[in-house]
Amino acid sequence: MAELDDAFDVLVLGAGSGGYSCALRAAQLGLRVGLVEKGDLGGTCLHIGCIPTKALLHAAEVADQARDSEQFGVRATLEGVDMAGVNSYKDGVVQRLFKGLTGLIRGRGITVIEGEGRLTGPREVTVAGRRYTGEHVVLASGSYPKTLGIEVDGTHVLTSEEALRLDRVPASVVVLGGGVIGCEFASVWRSFGAEVTIVEALPRLVPLEDEASSKALERAFRKRGIVFRTGTPFQSVKTTDDGVAVTVEGGDVIEAELLLVAVGRGPATDGLGYDEQGVSTDRGFVLTDEHCRTNLDNVWAVGDIVPGLQLAHRGFQQGIFVAESIAGLDPTPIDETGIPRVTYSHPEVASVGLTEAQAAEQYGADAITALTYDLGGNGKSQILKTQGFVKLVRRNDGPVVGVHLVGDRVGELIGEAQLIYNWEGYPDDVAPLVHAHPTQNEALGEAHLALAGKPLHAHS
């Protein structure tokens, strides 16, 4: 029998965004916390997800600026991309954040239990033969890259994890999947000089976004020379002397140096004892109510293992919510529709709330109004030489229920956008607010002015 080692008020299985935020907030509230992690604190987001990919995307932006500098009157040349240097920069960002997080967790008095944990009782986790118990157990075991059964060799066929460690710029890449991960890597590699083809089975890129956003991204990608084949299911891949040969439905073969499999992420729950202990699951996802409670008393779940958007900030907020619930603070449940979404490609795509189609389905087409403000009327966007728009969807005589943004750096606007949505703002509430000039935030203000019936830098 495994030896009983320690008991905690809160025992968290997984130290990714959802797990570590829960641990930090619970400790802040005076609870005794154990945090189980088999890898590095910070999980996928910090080490093999959000942070390193965005570092690559910034390096890609620098490459584009060097290549296109003459349009700003600056003479510069792009001599090439040094992937060793790029990776050193990327890894340096990760390590600084990791060091900071490690210090935070240590400073809060959280007990870090290193090793692979498994749920072995109603509120018990076993790690390397030692049993740990918690008055409350929080499941936060994260996710893994799905592969559709494709053999990933790490050389010619990669997932995002291997792609982040790539030591060269490939000459050509087929990206299987036109969602967030696929579009971000396609954008990076194209900026670095690779020939890129995206294969997506659904009718459009970033298919969860508003259709107008998808079309705008497709136009931009087409202009950049990124080839994409939507409505095209994948059939097979073979390794060749030069790389890979990818066969799609209809028999067409696309040859490239690499294949990136970017078809989403699955819940990392298999073999962790959840099923054996009676935790309700569906296709590996842990089922919870709006309070993140599972069907077992005092067992909670947060992050990518819970059905819904697999976003680090969603898991982060869920972790805080659970810690405050355990401490008896009665926090407000998270509105899933109010979680902001960003694709950090060039250009960026950002949104919060309902798409126009979703709003029409929910409220009726005659009960909503959609308005698009073109970034051509925004001074800062013209300075940046970016194109795109702000699209608002509102209920007639009601609040704004959707905000959709396309353009370079518009991800930085999503903070105000999510406040408007989550505070059920009306166009007339936002129109009088003063937005600094010249900023891209002005575009949000101008769009709300127009929707409130008083357009200025917009054609009425």
Protein backbone atom coordinates (compact mmCIF):
# COMPACT_ATOMS: atom_id res chain seq x y z
CA MET A 1 0.00 0.00 0.00
CA ALA A 2 1.24 3.50 -0.84
CA GLU A 3 2.45 5.52 2.11
CA LEU A 4 0.28 8.45 3.26
CA ASP A 5 2.50 11.52 3.16
CA ASP A 6 0.48 14.66 3.80
CA ALA A 7 -2.96 16.23 3.88
CA PHE A 8 -3.98 19.59 2.42
CA ASP A 9 -6.98 21.87 2.32
CA VAL A 10 -6.59 22.03 -1.47
CA LEU A 11 -4.70 19.47 -3.54
CA VAL A 12 -4.20 20.50 -7.17
CA LEU A 13 -3.29 17.97 -9.87
CA GLY A 14 -1.47 19.93 -12.58
CA ALA A 15 0.46 23.22 -12.48
CA GLY A 16 -0.57 24.80 -15.76
CA SER A 17 -2.51 28.07 -15.96
CA GLY A 18 -5.59 26.66 -14.23
CA GLY A 19 -3.71 24.69 -11.59
CA TYR A 20 -1.14 27.25 -10.51
CA SER A 21 -3.65 30.13 -10.41
CA CYS A 22 -5.88 28.02 -8.17
CA ALA A 23 -2.93 27.18 -5.93
CA LEU A 24 -1.76 30.81 -5.68
CA ARG A 25 -5.23 32.19 -4.90
CA ALA A 26 -6.03 29.43 -2.41
CA ALA A 27 -2.75 30.04 -0.56
CA GLN A 28 -3.46 33.78 -0.60
CA LEU A 29 -6.77 33.02 1.11
CA GLY A 30 -5.01 31.13 3.89
CA LEU A 31 -5.56 27.56 2.71
CA ARG A 32 -2.91 24.84 2.89
CA VAL A 33 -2.10 23.89 -0.70
CA GLY A 34 -0.36 20.99 -2.42
CA LEU A 35 0.48 21.31 -6.12
CA VAL A 36 1.32 18.18 -8.12
CA GLU A 37 3.25 18.55 -11.39
CA LYS A 38 5.23 16.03 -13.42
CA GLY A 39 6.91 18.68 -15.58
CA ASP A 40 7.78 22.34 -15.10
CA LEU A 41 5.55 24.76 -13.24
CA GLY A 42 3.52 26.75 -15.74
CA GLY A 43 2.52 23.82 -17.92
CA THR A 44 1.83 23.92 -21.63
CA CYS A 45 1.08 27.63 -21.88
CA LEU A 46 4.38 28.80 -20.45
CA HIS A 47 6.72 26.17 -21.88
CA ILE A 48 5.27 24.74 -25.11
CA GLY A 49 2.26 26.90 -25.92
CA CYS A 50 1.19 30.52 -25.57
CA ILE A 51 4.42 32.19 -24.51
CA PRO A 52 6.95 30.56 -26.86
CA THR A 53 4.63 30.75 -29.87
CA LYS A 54 4.02 34.46 -29.29
CA ALA A 55 7.78 35.00 -29.00
CA LEU A 56 8.14 33.36 -32.41
CA LEU A 57 5.37 35.56 -33.77
CA HIS A 58 7.14 38.68 -32.51
CA ALA A 59 10.37 37.54 -34.17
CA ALA A 60 8.33 37.03 -37.34
CA GLU A 61 6.99 40.59 -37.04
CA VAL A 62 10.56 41.90 -36.77
CA ALA A 63 11.50 39.94 -39.90
CA ASP A 64 8.57 41.46 -41.79
CA GLN A 65 9.49 44.95 -40.63
CA ALA A 66 13.06 44.50 -41.80
CA ARG A 67 11.94 43.10 -45.15
CA ASP A 68 9.38 45.85 -45.72
CA SER A 69 11.23 48.74 -44.07
CA GLU A 70 11.51 50.86 -47.22
CA GLN A 71 7.80 51.65 -47.16
CA PHE A 72 8.53 53.60 -43.96
CA GLY A 73 11.54 55.36 -45.47
CA VAL A 74 14.03 53.19 -43.62
CA ARG A 75 16.69 51.37 -45.61
CA ALA A 76 17.28 47.94 -44.10
CA THR A 77 17.81 44.45 -45.40
CA LEU A 78 16.82 41.07 -44.06
CA GLU A 79 19.93 38.94 -44.29
CA GLY A 80 18.18 35.87 -42.95
CA VAL A 81 16.64 34.26 -39.90
CA ASP A 82 19.02 32.74 -37.35
CA MET A 83 16.84 30.10 -35.69
CA ALA A 84 19.45 29.52 -32.98
CA GLY A 85 19.15 33.19 -32.08
CA VAL A 86 15.36 33.14 -32.34
CA ASN A 87 15.18 30.10 -30.08
CA SER A 88 17.59 31.67 -27.60
CA TYR A 89 15.36 34.76 -27.41
CA LYS A 90 12.23 32.60 -27.09
CA ASP A 91 13.70 30.37 -24.41
CA GLY A 92 14.99 33.38 -22.49
CA VAL A 93 11.46 34.79 -22.25
CA VAL A 94 10.16 31.45 -21.01
CA GLN A 95 12.90 31.04 -18.44
CA ARG A 96 12.42 34.51 -16.98
CA LEU A 97 8.70 33.91 -16.54
CA PHE A 98 9.32 30.42 -15.16
CA LYS A 99 11.76 31.79 -12.60
CA GLY A 100 9.24 34.41 -11.56
CA LEU A 101 6.42 31.87 -11.23
CA THR A 102 8.62 29.48 -9.23
CA GLY A 103 9.46 32.28 -6.83
CA LEU A 104 5.81 33.24 -6.45
CA ILE A 105 4.76 29.69 -5.61
CA ARG A 106 7.62 29.25 -3.15
CA GLY A 107 6.85 32.59 -1.54
CA ARG A 108 3.22 31.64 -0.95
CA GLY A 109 4.20 28.53 1.01
CA ILE A 110 2.70 26.11 -1.52
CA THR A 111 4.01 22.54 -1.31
CA VAL A 112 5.13 21.46 -4.78
CA ILE A 113 4.95 17.70 -5.27
CA GLU A 114 7.10 16.68 -8.23
CA GLY A 115 6.07 13.65 -10.26
CA GLU A 116 3.14 12.19 -12.14
CA GLY A 117 0.03 12.19 -9.99
CA ARG A 118 -2.91 9.82 -10.22
CA LEU A 119 -6.31 10.07 -8.58
CA THR A 120 -6.45 7.00 -6.34
CA GLY A 121 -9.31 7.88 -4.01
CA PRO A 122 -12.28 10.25 -3.76
CA ARG A 123 -9.91 13.00 -2.57
CA GLU A 124 -6.54 11.31 -2.83
CA VAL A 125 -3.66 11.64 -5.29
CA THR A 126 -0.72 9.23 -5.40
CA VAL A 127 2.69 10.35 -6.64
CA ALA A 128 5.62 7.94 -6.84
CA GLY A 129 4.06 5.60 -4.29
CA ARG A 130 3.16 8.30 -1.77
CA ARG A 131 -0.46 9.24 -1.07
CA TYR A 132 -1.57 12.83 -0.60
CA THR A 133 -5.05 13.86 0.44
CA GLY A 134 -7.00 17.05 0.14
CA GLU A 135 -10.23 18.28 1.65
CA HIS A 136 -10.72 19.51 -1.91
CA VAL A 137 -9.07 18.11 -5.03
CA VAL A 138 -8.76 20.21 -8.19
CA LEU A 139 -8.15 18.35 -11.46
CA ALA A 140 -6.07 20.50 -13.83
CA SER A 141 -4.12 18.01 -15.94
CA GLY A 142 -4.24 20.01 -19.18
CA SER A 143 -4.16 18.86 -22.80
CA TYR A 144 -2.01 17.34 -25.53
CA PRO A 145 -1.77 17.86 -29.32
CA LYS A 146 -4.15 15.62 -31.24
CA THR A 147 -2.74 13.82 -34.27
CA LEU A 148 -5.71 12.05 -35.98
CA GLY A 149 -3.66 8.88 -35.76
CA ILE A 150 -0.89 10.36 -37.92
CA GLU A 151 2.54 9.10 -36.89
CA VAL A 152 4.57 12.04 -35.60
CA ASP A 153 8.29 11.40 -36.09
CA GLY A 154 9.55 14.79 -34.93
CA THR A 155 11.60 15.11 -38.12
CA HIS A 156 9.22 15.36 -41.06
CA VAL A 157 5.87 15.24 -39.28
CA LEU A 158 5.51 17.55 -36.28
CA THR A 159 3.03 18.81 -33.74
CA SER A 160 3.29 22.30 -32.27
CA GLU A 161 5.59 20.95 -29.56
CA GLU A 162 8.26 19.78 -32.01
CA ALA A 163 7.73 22.87 -34.17
CA LEU A 164 8.71 25.09 -31.25
CA ARG A 165 12.06 23.30 -31.06
CA LEU A 166 12.81 23.44 -34.79
CA ASP A 167 16.40 24.52 -35.40
CA ARG A 168 15.93 25.75 -38.96
CA VAL A 169 13.49 27.55 -41.22
CA PRO A 170 11.90 24.92 -43.45
CA ALA A 171 11.77 25.62 -47.17
CA SER A 172 8.16 24.50 -47.34
CA VAL A 173 5.46 23.35 -44.93
CA VAL A 174 2.01 21.83 -45.12
CA VAL A 175 -0.05 22.89 -42.11
CA LEU A 176 -2.87 20.48 -41.38
CA GLY A 177 -5.52 22.56 -39.65
CA GLY A 178 -6.63 26.14 -40.21
CA GLY A 179 -7.55 26.97 -36.64
CA VAL A 180 -5.65 29.18 -34.23
CA ILE A 181 -2.50 27.05 -33.89
CA GLY A 182 -2.27 26.29 -37.59
CA CYS A 183 -2.74 29.91 -38.67
CA GLU A 184 -0.21 31.19 -36.15
CA PHE A 185 2.52 28.78 -37.28
CA ALA A 186 1.66 29.40 -40.93
CA SER A 187 2.09 33.12 -40.29
CA VAL A 188 5.45 32.64 -38.53
CA TRP A 189 6.94 30.41 -41.19
CA ARG A 190 5.77 32.61 -44.04
CA SER A 191 7.36 35.64 -42.37
CA PHE A 192 10.57 33.64 -42.00
CA GLY A 193 10.52 32.87 -45.74
CA ALA A 194 8.94 29.41 -46.04
CA GLU A 195 6.37 28.38 -48.63
CA VAL A 196 3.23 27.47 -46.68
CA THR A 197 0.08 25.56 -47.57
CA ILE A 198 -2.77 25.20 -45.06
CA VAL A 199 -5.17 22.26 -45.43
CA GLU A 200 -8.47 22.69 -43.59
CA ALA A 201 -11.47 20.35 -43.79
CA LEU A 202 -13.99 23.02 -42.79
CA PRO A 203 -15.14 25.71 -45.25
CA ARG A 204 -12.99 28.54 -43.86
CA LEU A 205 -9.95 29.42 -41.79
CA VAL A 206 -10.46 30.13 -38.06
CA PRO A 207 -13.94 28.60 -38.43
CA LEU A 208 -15.04 29.48 -34.88
CA GLU A 209 -14.72 33.20 -35.63
CA ASP A 210 -17.24 35.46 -37.33
CA GLU A 211 -17.40 34.75 -41.06
CA ALA A 212 -16.27 38.29 -41.86
CA SER A 213 -13.14 37.78 -39.77
CA SER A 214 -12.36 34.53 -41.58
CA LYS A 215 -12.72 36.20 -44.97
CA ALA A 216 -10.48 39.08 -43.94
CA LEU A 217 -7.77 36.71 -42.70
CA GLU A 218 -8.01 34.68 -45.90
CA ARG A 219 -7.58 37.82 -48.01
CA ALA A 220 -4.55 38.84 -45.99
CA PHE A 221 -3.00 35.37 -46.16
CA ARG A 222 -3.60 35.23 -49.91
CA LYS A 223 -1.84 38.58 -50.30
CA ARG A 224 1.10 37.28 -48.25
CA GLY A 225 1.42 34.23 -50.50
CA ILE A 226 0.10 31.71 -47.98
CA VAL A 227 -1.78 29.03 -49.87
CA PHE A 228 -4.81 27.56 -48.15
CA ARG A 229 -7.19 24.84 -49.20
CA THR A 230 -10.41 24.97 -47.21
CA GLY A 231 -13.17 22.39 -47.46
CA THR A 232 -10.40 19.88 -48.13
CA PRO A 233 -10.17 16.84 -45.84
CA PHE A 234 -6.77 15.21 -45.28
CA GLN A 235 -6.31 11.62 -46.43
CA SER A 236 -2.74 10.47 -45.83
CA VAL A 237 0.92 11.42 -45.60
CA LYS A 238 4.04 9.60 -46.78
CA THR A 239 7.65 10.39 -46.04
CA THR A 240 9.77 11.04 -49.15
CA ASP A 241 13.46 11.66 -49.79
CA ASP A 242 12.80 15.40 -49.67
CA GLY A 243 10.21 15.51 -46.88
CA VAL A 244 6.54 14.58 -47.05
CA ALA A 245 3.84 13.97 -49.63
CA VAL A 246 0.40 14.84 -48.31
CA THR A 247 -2.65 13.44 -50.08
CA VAL A 248 -5.96 15.26 -49.69
CA GLU A 249 -9.48 14.29 -50.63
CA GLY A 250 -9.79 14.12 -54.40
CA GLY A 251 -6.31 12.63 -54.76
CA ASP A 252 -4.21 15.80 -54.99
CA VAL A 253 -0.72 15.45 -53.52
CA ILE A 254 1.07 18.34 -51.84
CA GLU A 255 4.81 17.94 -51.33
CA ALA A 256 6.75 19.84 -48.69
CA GLU A 257 9.70 19.58 -46.34
CA LEU A 258 7.49 19.31 -43.24
CA LEU A 259 3.94 18.54 -42.17
CA LEU A 260 2.63 20.31 -39.09
CA VAL A 261 -0.33 18.53 -37.53
CA ALA A 262 -2.40 21.29 -35.91
CA VAL A 263 -5.83 19.75 -35.51
CA GLY A 264 -6.58 20.81 -31.96
CA ARG A 265 -5.82 19.52 -28.48
CA GLY A 266 -7.28 16.66 -26.50
CA PRO A 267 -7.85 16.44 -22.74
CA ALA A 268 -4.95 14.84 -20.81
CA THR A 269 -7.05 12.58 -18.60
CA ASP A 270 -6.28 9.06 -19.78
CA GLY A 271 -4.62 6.83 -17.19
CA LEU A 272 -4.93 9.35 -14.36
CA GLY A 273 -7.55 7.40 -12.44
CA TYR A 274 -10.45 9.73 -13.13
CA ASP A 275 -12.69 7.03 -14.60
CA GLU A 276 -11.78 4.50 -11.92
CA GLN A 277 -12.77 6.94 -9.19
CA GLY A 278 -16.11 7.65 -10.86
CA VAL A 279 -15.46 11.11 -12.28
CA SER A 280 -18.01 11.76 -15.04
CA THR A 281 -16.33 12.23 -18.41
CA ASP A 282 -17.27 12.53 -22.06
CA ARG A 283 -14.66 11.57 -24.69
CA GLY A 284 -12.00 12.22 -22.09
CA PHE A 285 -13.29 15.62 -21.00
CA VAL A 286 -14.26 16.04 -17.36
CA LEU A 287 -17.87 17.18 -17.00
CA THR A 288 -18.59 20.00 -14.57
CA ASP A 289 -21.36 22.42 -13.71
CA GLU A 290 -20.98 26.20 -14.12
CA HIS A 291 -19.16 26.27 -10.78
CA CYS A 292 -16.45 23.86 -12.07
CA ARG A 293 -17.72 21.11 -9.74
CA THR A 294 -17.54 17.50 -10.91
CA ASN A 295 -20.06 14.87 -9.91
CA LEU A 296 -17.87 13.93 -6.91
CA ASP A 297 -18.10 15.91 -3.70
CA ASN A 298 -15.24 18.39 -3.26
CA VAL A 299 -13.64 17.40 -6.57
CA TRP A 300 -13.32 20.24 -9.06
CA ALA A 301 -11.92 20.54 -12.61
CA VAL A 302 -10.48 23.50 -14.52
CA GLY A 303 -8.78 24.31 -17.81
CA ASP A 304 -8.42 22.31 -21.00
CA ILE A 305 -9.90 19.12 -19.54
CA VAL A 306 -13.28 20.86 -19.14
CA PRO A 307 -15.41 21.11 -22.32
CA GLY A 308 -15.21 24.58 -23.87
CA LEU A 309 -12.57 26.96 -25.16
CA GLN A 310 -9.07 25.60 -24.55
CA LEU A 311 -7.49 28.92 -23.62
CA ALA A 312 -4.92 29.62 -20.93
CA HIS A 313 -6.79 32.65 -19.61
CA ARG A 314 -9.98 30.61 -19.30
CA GLY A 315 -8.19 28.03 -17.15
CA PHE A 316 -6.47 30.80 -15.19
CA GLN A 317 -9.78 32.44 -14.31
CA GLN A 318 -11.41 29.10 -13.52
CA GLY A 319 -8.57 28.33 -11.12
CA ILE A 320 -9.14 31.59 -9.25
CA PHE A 321 -12.89 30.95 -9.25
CA VAL A 322 -12.47 27.49 -7.70
CA ALA A 323 -10.07 28.73 -5.02
CA GLU A 324 -12.49 31.47 -4.03
CA SER A 325 -15.41 29.00 -4.05
CA ILE A 326 -13.53 26.62 -1.75
CA ALA A 327 -12.75 29.55 0.56
CA GLY A 328 -16.45 30.42 0.75
CA LEU A 329 -16.33 33.72 -1.16
CA ASP A 330 -19.21 32.85 -3.57
CA PRO A 331 -17.66 34.28 -6.78
CA THR A 332 -19.74 34.89 -9.91
CA PRO A 333 -19.65 32.00 -12.41
CA ILE A 334 -17.69 32.67 -15.60
CA ASP A 335 -19.67 33.52 -18.74
CA GLU A 336 -18.01 31.31 -21.35
CA THR A 337 -19.21 33.58 -24.17
CA GLY A 338 -17.50 36.50 -22.46
CA ILE A 339 -14.03 34.94 -22.68
CA PRO A 340 -11.86 36.87 -25.18
CA ARG A 341 -10.24 35.00 -28.07
CA VAL A 342 -7.16 36.03 -30.07
CA THR A 343 -5.32 34.50 -33.03
CA TYR A 344 -1.88 36.16 -33.08
CA SER A 345 -1.23 35.84 -36.79
CA HIS A 346 -0.37 38.67 -39.20
CA PRO A 347 -2.96 40.16 -39.17
CA GLU A 348 -4.41 39.31 -35.77
CA VAL A 349 -7.99 38.18 -35.25
CA ALA A 350 -9.69 38.90 -31.92
CA SER A 351 -13.24 38.53 -30.65
CA VAL A 352 -15.53 38.28 -27.66
CA GLY A 353 -19.19 37.38 -27.45
CA LEU A 354 -21.41 36.09 -30.24
CA THR A 355 -20.74 36.03 -33.98
CA GLU A 356 -23.38 37.65 -36.16
CA ALA A 357 -24.69 34.21 -37.12
CA GLN A 358 -24.89 33.09 -33.48
CA ALA A 359 -26.66 36.29 -32.45
CA ALA A 360 -29.18 35.90 -35.31
CA GLU A 361 -29.84 32.32 -34.24
CA GLN A 362 -30.23 33.25 -30.57
CA TYR A 363 -32.26 36.44 -30.88
CA GLY A 364 -33.58 36.39 -34.45
CA ALA A 365 -32.10 38.13 -37.49
CA ASP A 366 -34.55 41.03 -37.21
CA ALA A 367 -33.65 41.60 -33.55
CA ILE A 368 -29.96 42.39 -34.07
CA THR A 369 -27.85 44.98 -35.86
CA ALA A 370 -24.28 44.50 -37.11
CA LEU A 371 -21.93 47.36 -37.97
CA THR A 372 -18.41 47.27 -39.40
CA TYR A 373 -15.93 50.13 -38.97
CA ASP A 374 -12.99 49.91 -41.35
CA LEU A 375 -9.52 50.54 -39.92
CA GLY A 376 -8.88 52.72 -42.99
CA GLY A 377 -10.42 55.52 -40.93
CA ASN A 378 -8.13 54.94 -37.95
CA GLY A 379 -4.96 57.04 -37.84
CA LYS A 380 -2.78 54.64 -35.85
CA SER A 381 -3.73 51.73 -38.12
CA GLN A 382 -2.69 53.80 -41.12
CA ILE A 383 0.62 54.58 -39.41
CA LEU A 384 1.12 50.84 -38.89
CA LYS A 385 -0.04 50.17 -42.48
CA THR A 386 -2.48 47.54 -41.32
CA GLN A 387 -5.91 46.76 -42.73
CA GLY A 388 -8.93 45.30 -41.01
CA PHE A 389 -12.02 46.32 -39.11
CA VAL A 390 -14.01 46.49 -35.91
CA LYS A 391 -17.33 44.69 -36.22
CA LEU A 392 -20.01 45.13 -33.57
CA VAL A 393 -23.13 43.03 -33.11
CA ARG A 394 -25.86 44.38 -30.86
CA ARG A 395 -29.39 43.52 -29.86
CA ASN A 396 -31.72 46.19 -31.18
CA ASP A 397 -32.34 48.64 -28.32
CA GLY A 398 -30.06 46.43 -26.25
CA PRO A 399 -26.41 45.80 -25.41
CA VAL A 400 -23.49 44.88 -27.64
CA VAL A 401 -23.37 41.06 -27.77
CA GLY A 402 -20.34 40.58 -30.01
CA VAL A 403 -17.12 42.39 -30.87
CA HIS A 404 -14.90 41.16 -33.73
CA LEU A 405 -11.54 42.65 -34.68
CA VAL A 406 -9.08 42.07 -37.51
CA GLY A 407 -5.76 43.87 -37.99
CA ASP A 408 -2.22 43.97 -36.68
CA ARG A 409 -2.10 44.42 -32.88
CA VAL A 410 -5.88 44.34 -32.42
CA GLY A 411 -5.41 41.65 -29.78
CA GLU A 412 -4.45 44.54 -27.49
CA LEU A 413 -7.96 45.98 -27.96
CA ILE A 414 -9.74 42.92 -26.67
CA GLY A 415 -9.48 44.07 -23.05
CA GLU A 416 -11.85 46.98 -23.62
CA ALA A 417 -13.99 44.84 -25.90
CA GLN A 418 -14.51 42.18 -23.25
CA LEU A 419 -15.45 44.85 -20.69
CA ILE A 420 -18.10 46.18 -23.08
CA TYR A 421 -19.52 42.70 -23.58
CA ASN A 422 -19.29 41.47 -20.00
CA TRP A 423 -20.72 44.71 -18.56
CA GLU A 424 -23.55 44.54 -21.12
CA GLY A 425 -22.59 47.93 -22.54
CA TYR A 426 -24.88 49.77 -24.92
CA PRO A 427 -23.42 51.75 -27.84
CA ASP A 428 -24.64 54.91 -26.08
CA ASP A 429 -22.63 53.90 -22.99
CA VAL A 430 -19.37 53.61 -24.92
CA ALA A 431 -19.78 56.49 -27.40
CA PRO A 432 -19.08 59.28 -24.83
CA LEU A 433 -15.91 57.60 -23.52
CA VAL A 434 -12.71 59.40 -24.52
CA HIS A 435 -10.23 57.28 -26.47
CA ALA A 436 -6.67 58.58 -26.77
CA HIS A 437 -5.54 59.83 -30.18
CA PRO A 438 -3.91 58.39 -32.16
CA THR A 439 -4.54 54.83 -30.97
CA GLN A 440 -6.22 51.80 -32.41
CA ASN A 441 -8.57 51.95 -29.40
CA GLU A 442 -10.18 54.89 -31.16
CA ALA A 443 -11.56 52.40 -33.68
CA LEU A 444 -13.66 50.83 -30.92
CA GLY A 445 -14.92 54.26 -29.94
CA GLU A 446 -15.71 55.23 -33.53
CA ALA A 447 -17.56 51.96 -34.13
CA HIS A 448 -19.73 52.58 -31.06
CA LEU A 449 -20.34 56.19 -32.14
CA ALA A 450 -21.57 54.87 -35.47
CA LEU A 451 -23.74 52.21 -33.85
CA ALA A 452 -25.18 54.88 -31.53
CA GLY A 453 -26.31 56.81 -34.62
CA LYS A 454 -23.61 59.50 -34.70
CA PRO A 455 -20.82 58.33 -37.00
CA LEU A 456 -17.85 60.67 -37.44
CA HIS A 457 -14.88 59.04 -39.20
CA ALA A 458 -17.23 56.53 -40.82
CA HIS A 459 -19.55 56.57 -43.81
CA SER A 460 -23.13 56.49 -42.60
